Amino acid sequence: MAQSKKVFVFSKTEGHRHESITKGIQTIQRLGAKNDFKVFHSEDADLFIEDTLKKFNAVIFLNTTGDILNENQQ
């Protein structure tokens, strides 16, 4: 049996915060449950390092705003 895919949902904001972020996270979690992929959510930009990111099959930037990643994280 193949391993489930893993998706990192990142929703950090610097400035305007979209009201839809919570609903967006919930929707992606439901899609994950329905389609056999795991969802990890965070607003911690310190996780944007190679050792962490290589654990995921995809990264979703969900309604992020502002300058959320430094040069190394980019």
PDB file of N, CA and C in Angstrom:
ATOM      1  N   MET A   1       0.844  -1.189   0.000  1.00  0.00           N
ATOM      2  CA  MET A   1       0.000   0.000   0.000  1.00  0.00           C
ATOM      3  C   MET A   1       0.889   1.252   0.000  1.00  0.00           C
ATOM      4  N   ALA A   2       0.603   2.184  -0.864  1.00  0.00           N
ATOM      5  CA  ALA A   2       1.390   3.408  -0.973  1.00  0.00           C
ATOM      6  C   ALA A   2       1.138   4.323   0.222  1.00  0.00           C
ATOM      7  N   GLN A   3       2.170   5.082   0.570  1.00  0.00           N
ATOM      8  CA  GLN A   3       2.021   6.038   1.657  1.00  0.00           C
ATOM      9  C   GLN A   3       1.167   7.214   1.206  1.00  0.00           C
ATOM     10  N   SER A   4       0.437   7.776   2.162  1.00  0.00           N
ATOM     11  CA  SER A   4      -0.354   8.963   1.868  1.00  0.00           C
ATOM     12  C   SER A   4       0.561  10.130   1.532  1.00  0.00           C
ATOM     13  N   LYS A   5       0.107  10.968   0.641  1.00  0.00           N
ATOM     14  CA  LYS A   5       0.825  12.202   0.335  1.00  0.00           C
ATOM     15  C   LYS A   5       0.668  13.150   1.520  1.00  0.00           C
ATOM     16  N   LYS A   6       1.609  14.080   1.649  1.00  0.00           N
ATOM     17  CA  LYS A   6       1.582  15.050   2.743  1.00  0.00           C
ATOM     18  C   LYS A   6       1.630  16.457   2.162  1.00  0.00           C
ATOM     19  N   VAL A   7       0.727  17.305   2.641  1.00  0.00           N
ATOM     20  CA  VAL A   7       0.616  18.678   2.172  1.00  0.00           C
ATOM     21  C   VAL A   7       0.829  19.626   3.353  1.00  0.00           C
ATOM     22  N   PHE A   8       1.660  20.620   3.142  1.00  0.00           N
ATOM     23  CA  PHE A   8       1.931  21.657   4.144  1.00  0.00           C
ATOM     24  C   PHE A   8       1.120  22.887   3.751  1.00  0.00           C
ATOM     25  N   VAL A   9       0.190  23.294   4.609  1.00  0.00           N
ATOM     26  CA  VAL A   9      -0.623  24.486   4.373  1.00  0.00           C
ATOM     27  C   VAL A   9      -0.058  25.612   5.241  1.00  0.00           C
ATOM     28  N   PHE A  10       0.379  26.674   4.601  1.00  0.00           N
ATOM     29  CA  PHE A  10       1.022  27.800   5.277  1.00  0.00           C
ATOM     30  C   PHE A  10       0.134  29.026   5.122  1.00  0.00           C
ATOM     31  N   SER A  11      -0.231  29.646   6.246  1.00  0.00           N
ATOM     32  CA  SER A  11      -1.185  30.763   6.176  1.00  0.00           C
ATOM     33  C   SER A  11      -0.752  31.984   6.991  1.00  0.00           C
ATOM     34  N   LYS A  12       0.545  32.198   7.093  1.00  0.00           N
ATOM     35  CA  LYS A  12       1.052  33.350   7.852  1.00  0.00           C
ATOM     36  C   LYS A  12       0.647  34.651   7.165  1.00  0.00           C
ATOM     37  N   THR A  13       0.338  35.641   7.977  1.00  0.00           N
ATOM     38  CA  THR A  13       0.010  36.954   7.435  1.00  0.00           C
ATOM     39  C   THR A  13       0.806  38.032   8.158  1.00  0.00           C
ATOM     40  N   GLU A  14       1.172  39.043   7.423  1.00  0.00           N
ATOM     41  CA  GLU A  14       1.808  40.254   7.947  1.00  0.00           C
ATOM     42  C   GLU A  14       1.005  41.406   7.365  1.00  0.00           C
ATOM     43  N   GLY A  15       0.020  41.833   8.090  1.00  0.00           N
ATOM     44  CA  GLY A  15      -0.863  42.870   7.572  1.00  0.00           C
ATOM     45  C   GLY A  15      -2.284  42.340   7.551  1.00  0.00           C
ATOM     46  N   HIS A  16      -2.956  42.536   6.431  1.00  0.00           N
ATOM     47  CA  HIS A  16      -4.350  42.101   6.318  1.00  0.00           C
ATOM     48  C   HIS A  16      -4.468  40.594   6.533  1.00  0.00           C
ATOM     49  N   ARG A  17      -5.431  40.206   7.352  1.00  0.00           N
ATOM     50  CA  ARG A  17      -5.695  38.783   7.592  1.00  0.00           C
ATOM     51  C   ARG A  17      -7.062  38.450   7.009  1.00  0.00           C
ATOM     52  N   HIS A  18      -7.069  37.555   6.049  1.00  0.00           N
ATOM     53  CA  HIS A  18      -8.310  37.154   5.396  1.00  0.00           C
ATOM     54  C   HIS A  18      -9.179  36.345   6.355  1.00  0.00           C
ATOM     55  N   GLU A  19     -10.444  36.667   6.406  1.00  0.00           N
ATOM     56  CA  GLU A  19     -11.384  35.930   7.259  1.00  0.00           C
ATOM     57  C   GLU A  19     -11.572  34.495   6.792  1.00  0.00           C
ATOM     58  N   SER A  20     -11.270  34.227   5.551  1.00  0.00           N
ATOM     59  CA  SER A  20     -11.517  32.907   4.970  1.00  0.00           C
ATOM     60  C   SER A  20     -10.433  31.878   5.291  1.00  0.00           C
ATOM     61  N   ILE A  21      -9.375  32.262   5.989  1.00  0.00           N
ATOM     62  CA  ILE A  21      -8.271  31.333   6.252  1.00  0.00           C
ATOM     63  C   ILE A  21      -8.742  30.103   7.015  1.00  0.00           C
ATOM     64  N   THR A  22      -9.501  30.294   8.078  1.00  0.00           N
ATOM     65  CA  THR A  22      -9.969  29.152   8.879  1.00  0.00           C
ATOM     66  C   THR A  22     -10.799  28.198   8.034  1.00  0.00           C
ATOM     67  N   LYS A  23     -11.721  28.731   7.259  1.00  0.00           N
ATOM     68  CA  LYS A  23     -12.547  27.884   6.382  1.00  0.00           C
ATOM     69  C   LYS A  23     -11.689  27.187   5.334  1.00  0.00           C
ATOM     70  N   GLY A  24     -10.689  27.887   4.820  1.00  0.00           N
ATOM     71  CA  GLY A  24      -9.803  27.287   3.830  1.00  0.00           C
ATOM     72  C   GLY A  24      -9.039  26.098   4.389  1.00  0.00           C
ATOM     73  N   ILE A  25      -8.535  26.237   5.602  1.00  0.00           N
ATOM     74  CA  ILE A  25      -7.824  25.133   6.252  1.00  0.00           C
ATOM     75  C   ILE A  25      -8.766  23.953   6.452  1.00  0.00           C
ATOM     76  N   GLN A  26      -9.958  24.230   6.947  1.00  0.00           N
ATOM     77  CA  GLN A  26     -10.940  23.158   7.164  1.00  0.00           C
ATOM     78  C   GLN A  26     -11.284  22.449   5.852  1.00  0.00           C
ATOM     79  N   THR A  27     -11.419  23.207   4.794  1.00  0.00           N
ATOM     80  CA  THR A  27     -11.749  22.620   3.491  1.00  0.00           C
ATOM     81  C   THR A  27     -10.625  21.720   2.989  1.00  0.00           C
ATOM     82  N   ILE A  28      -9.394  22.181   3.113  1.00  0.00           N
ATOM     83  CA  ILE A  28      -8.257  21.361   2.677  1.00  0.00           C
ATOM     84  C   ILE A  28      -8.156  20.104   3.532  1.00  0.00           C
ATOM     85  N   GLN A  29      -8.428  20.212   4.827  1.00  0.00           N
ATOM     86  CA  GLN A  29      -8.418  19.027   5.693  1.00  0.00           C
ATOM     87  C   GLN A  29      -9.490  18.023   5.271  1.00  0.00           C
ATOM     88  N   ARG A  30     -10.675  18.508   4.927  1.00  0.00           N
ATOM     89  CA  ARG A  30     -11.737  17.606   4.450  1.00  0.00           C
ATOM     90  C   ARG A  30     -11.337  16.940   3.136  1.00  0.00           C
ATOM     91  N   LEU A  31     -10.748  17.720   2.241  1.00  0.00           N
ATOM     92  CA  LEU A  31     -10.275  17.148   0.974  1.00  0.00           C
ATOM     93  C   LEU A  31      -9.210  16.083   1.222  1.00  0.00           C
ATOM     94  N   GLY A  32      -8.341  16.334   2.183  1.00  0.00           N
ATOM     95  CA  GLY A  32      -7.316  15.356   2.520  1.00  0.00           C
ATOM     96  C   GLY A  32      -7.914  14.063   3.040  1.00  0.00           C
ATOM     97  N   ALA A  33      -8.889  14.178   3.931  1.00  0.00           N
ATOM     98  CA  ALA A  33      -9.542  12.985   4.484  1.00  0.00           C
ATOM     99  C   ALA A  33     -10.259  12.199   3.386  1.00  0.00           C
ATOM    100  N   LYS A  34     -10.872  12.913   2.469  1.00  0.00           N
ATOM    101  CA  LYS A  34     -11.629  12.270   1.394  1.00  0.00           C
ATOM    102  C   LYS A  34     -10.723  11.652   0.326  1.00  0.00           C
ATOM    103  N   ASN A  35      -9.537  12.241   0.136  1.00  0.00           N
ATOM    104  CA  ASN A  35      -8.662  11.826  -0.963  1.00  0.00           C
ATOM    105  C   ASN A  35      -7.331  11.241  -0.499  1.00  0.00           C
ATOM    106  N   ASP A  36      -7.275  10.845   0.749  1.00  0.00           N
ATOM    107  CA  ASP A  36      -6.120  10.136   1.302  1.00  0.00           C
ATOM    108  C   ASP A  36      -4.811  10.918   1.219  1.00  0.00           C
ATOM    109  N   PHE A  37      -4.839  12.192   1.647  1.00  0.00           N
ATOM    110  CA  PHE A  37      -3.578  12.900   1.857  1.00  0.00           C
ATOM    111  C   PHE A  37      -3.631  13.584   3.216  1.00  0.00           C
ATOM    112  N   LYS A  38      -2.469  13.666   3.846  1.00  0.00           N
ATOM    113  CA  LYS A  38      -2.366  14.252   5.180  1.00  0.00           C
ATOM    114  C   LYS A  38      -2.112  15.743   5.051  1.00  0.00           C
ATOM    115  N   VAL A  39      -2.706  16.503   5.971  1.00  0.00           N
ATOM    116  CA  VAL A  39      -2.588  17.952   5.949  1.00  0.00           C
ATOM    117  C   VAL A  39      -1.907  18.421   7.232  1.00  0.00           C
ATOM    118  N   PHE A  40      -0.855  19.200   7.069  1.00  0.00           N
ATOM    119  CA  PHE A  40      -0.161  19.830   8.185  1.00  0.00           C
ATOM    120  C   PHE A  40      -0.290  21.326   7.987  1.00  0.00           C
ATOM    121  N   HIS A  41      -0.768  22.033   9.012  1.00  0.00           N
ATOM    122  CA  HIS A  41      -0.946  23.483   8.919  1.00  0.00           C
ATOM    123  C   HIS A  41      -0.028  24.185   9.906  1.00  0.00           C
ATOM    124  N   SER A  42       0.551  25.288   9.465  1.00  0.00           N
ATOM    125  CA  SER A  42       1.373  26.104  10.353  1.00  0.00           C
ATOM    126  C   SER A  42       1.456  27.526   9.822  1.00  0.00           C
ATOM    127  N   GLU A  43       1.806  28.437  10.727  1.00  0.00           N
ATOM    128  CA  GLU A  43       2.125  29.814  10.362  1.00  0.00           C
ATOM    129  C   GLU A  43       3.555  30.144  10.781  1.00  0.00           C
ATOM    130  N   ASP A  44       4.340  29.120  11.047  1.00  0.00           N
ATOM    131  CA  ASP A  44       5.720  29.267  11.510  1.00  0.00           C
ATOM    132  C   ASP A  44       6.681  29.258  10.323  1.00  0.00           C
ATOM    133  N   ALA A  45       7.185  30.428   9.964  1.00  0.00           N
ATOM    134  CA  ALA A  45       8.097  30.536   8.823  1.00  0.00           C
ATOM    135  C   ALA A  45       9.423  29.824   9.077  1.00  0.00           C
ATOM    136  N   ASP A  46       9.763  29.575  10.326  1.00  0.00           N
ATOM    137  CA  ASP A  46      11.006  28.862  10.638  1.00  0.00           C
ATOM    138  C   ASP A  46      10.999  27.429  10.108  1.00  0.00           C
ATOM    139  N   LEU A  47       9.839  26.923   9.735  1.00  0.00           N
ATOM    140  CA  LEU A  47       9.748  25.579   9.168  1.00  0.00           C
ATOM    141  C   LEU A  47      10.202  25.527   7.708  1.00  0.00           C
ATOM    142  N   PHE A  48      10.428  26.680   7.108  1.00  0.00           N
ATOM    143  CA  PHE A  48      10.848  26.728   5.707  1.00  0.00           C
ATOM    144  C   PHE A  48      12.354  26.507   5.586  1.00  0.00           C
ATOM    145  N   ILE A  49      12.737  25.273   5.918  1.00  0.00           N
ATOM    146  CA  ILE A  49      14.105  24.797   5.748  1.00  0.00           C
ATOM    147  C   ILE A  49      14.033  23.478   4.990  1.00  0.00           C
ATOM    148  N   GLU A  50      15.110  23.142   4.329  1.00  0.00           N
ATOM    149  CA  GLU A  50      15.104  21.964   3.458  1.00  0.00           C
ATOM    150  C   GLU A  50      14.687  20.692   4.187  1.00  0.00           C
ATOM    151  N   ASP A  51      15.220  20.463   5.392  1.00  0.00           N
ATOM    152  CA  ASP A  51      14.906  19.225   6.121  1.00  0.00           C
ATOM    153  C   ASP A  51      13.416  19.076   6.412  1.00  0.00           C
ATOM    154  N   THR A  52      12.748  20.178   6.651  1.00  0.00           N
ATOM    155  CA  THR A  52      11.304  20.122   6.910  1.00  0.00           C
ATOM    156  C   THR A  52      10.526  20.003   5.609  1.00  0.00           C
ATOM    157  N   LEU A  53      10.836  20.837   4.647  1.00  0.00           N
ATOM    158  CA  LEU A  53      10.060  20.882   3.407  1.00  0.00           C
ATOM    159  C   LEU A  53      10.138  19.592   2.608  1.00  0.00           C
ATOM    160  N   LYS A  54      11.251  18.885   2.688  1.00  0.00           N
ATOM    161  CA  LYS A  54      11.370  17.651   1.903  1.00  0.00           C
ATOM    162  C   LYS A  54      10.457  16.536   2.411  1.00  0.00           C
ATOM    163  N   LYS A  55       9.818  16.730   3.548  1.00  0.00           N
ATOM    164  CA  LYS A  55       8.866  15.750   4.086  1.00  0.00           C
ATOM    165  C   LYS A  55       7.497  15.855   3.411  1.00  0.00           C
ATOM    166  N   PHE A  56       7.291  16.922   2.638  1.00  0.00           N
ATOM    167  CA  PHE A  56       5.987  17.194   2.040  1.00  0.00           C
ATOM    168  C   PHE A  56       6.025  17.031   0.525  1.00  0.00           C
ATOM    169  N   ASN A  57       4.883  16.634  -0.021  1.00  0.00           N
ATOM    170  CA  ASN A  57       4.735  16.519  -1.467  1.00  0.00           C
ATOM    171  C   ASN A  57       4.312  17.839  -2.095  1.00  0.00           C
ATOM    172  N   ALA A  58       3.730  18.729  -1.279  1.00  0.00           N
ATOM    173  CA  ALA A  58       3.276  20.026  -1.784  1.00  0.00           C
ATOM    174  C   ALA A  58       3.205  21.021  -0.635  1.00  0.00           C
ATOM    175  N   VAL A  59       3.352  22.298  -0.983  1.00  0.00           N
ATOM    176  CA  VAL A  59       3.159  23.393  -0.037  1.00  0.00           C
ATOM    177  C   VAL A  59       2.087  24.301  -0.621  1.00  0.00           C
ATOM    178  N   ILE A  60       1.090  24.607   0.192  1.00  0.00           N
ATOM    179  CA  ILE A  60       0.017  25.513  -0.220  1.00  0.00           C
ATOM    180  C   ILE A  60       0.155  26.798   0.584  1.00  0.00           C
ATOM    181  N   PHE A  61       0.296  27.922  -0.108  1.00  0.00           N
ATOM    182  CA  PHE A  61       0.291  29.226   0.544  1.00  0.00           C
ATOM    183  C   PHE A  61      -1.159  29.699   0.534  1.00  0.00           C
ATOM    184  N   LEU A  62      -1.794  29.654   1.697  1.00  0.00           N
ATOM    185  CA  LEU A  62      -3.225  29.944   1.806  1.00  0.00           C
ATOM    186  C   LEU A  62      -3.439  31.370   2.307  1.00  0.00           C
ATOM    187  N   ASN A  63      -3.788  32.265   1.397  1.00  0.00           N
ATOM    188  CA  ASN A  63      -4.112  33.652   1.732  1.00  0.00           C
ATOM    189  C   ASN A  63      -3.038  34.334   2.566  1.00  0.00           C
ATOM    190  N   THR A  64      -1.772  34.058   2.253  1.00  0.00           N
ATOM    191  CA  THR A  64      -0.683  34.736   2.945  1.00  0.00           C
ATOM    192  C   THR A  64      -0.622  36.185   2.485  1.00  0.00           C
ATOM    193  N   THR A  65      -0.151  37.055   3.367  1.00  0.00           N
ATOM    194  CA  THR A  65      -0.011  38.467   3.017  1.00  0.00           C
ATOM    195  C   THR A  65       1.286  39.002   3.596  1.00  0.00           C
ATOM    196  N   GLY A  66       1.843  39.990   2.933  1.00  0.00           N
ATOM    197  CA  GLY A  66       3.030  40.664   3.436  1.00  0.00           C
ATOM    198  C   GLY A  66       4.310  39.896   3.179  1.00  0.00           C
ATOM    199  N   ASP A  67       5.364  40.358   3.823  1.00  0.00           N
ATOM    200  CA  ASP A  67       6.700  39.777   3.680  1.00  0.00           C
ATOM    201  C   ASP A  67       6.848  38.685   4.730  1.00  0.00           C
ATOM    202  N   ILE A  68       6.430  37.476   4.395  1.00  0.00           N
ATOM    203  CA  ILE A  68       6.299  36.397   5.380  1.00  0.00           C
ATOM    204  C   ILE A  68       7.505  35.481   5.473  1.00  0.00           C
ATOM    205  N   LEU A  69       8.387  35.511   4.480  1.00  0.00           N
ATOM    206  CA  LEU A  69       9.581  34.664   4.480  1.00  0.00           C
ATOM    207  C   LEU A  69      10.819  35.531   4.287  1.00  0.00           C
ATOM    208  N   ASN A  70      11.872  35.217   5.046  1.00  0.00           N
ATOM    209  CA  ASN A  70      13.109  35.958   4.840  1.00  0.00           C
ATOM    210  C   ASN A  70      13.843  35.401   3.616  1.00  0.00           C
ATOM    211  N   GLU A  71      14.988  35.975   3.307  1.00  0.00           N
ATOM    212  CA  GLU A  71      15.709  35.580   2.090  1.00  0.00           C
ATOM    213  C   GLU A  71      16.093  34.100   2.102  1.00  0.00           C
ATOM    214  N   ASN A  72      16.574  33.593   3.223  1.00  0.00           N
ATOM    215  CA  ASN A  72      16.957  32.179   3.314  1.00  0.00           C
ATOM    216  C   ASN A  72      15.750  31.254   3.169  1.00  0.00           C
ATOM    217  N   GLN A  73      14.625  31.640   3.738  1.00  0.00           N
ATOM    218  CA  GLN A  73      13.418  30.809   3.675  1.00  0.00           C
ATOM    219  C   GLN A  73      12.852  30.775   2.261  1.00  0.00           C
ATOM    220  N   GLN A  74      13.032  31.862   1.528  1.00  0.00           N
ATOM    221  CA  GLN A  74      12.548  31.903   0.151  1.00  0.00           C
ATOM    222  C   GLN A  74      13.339  30.952  -0.707  1.00  0.00           C
TER     223      GLN A  74
END
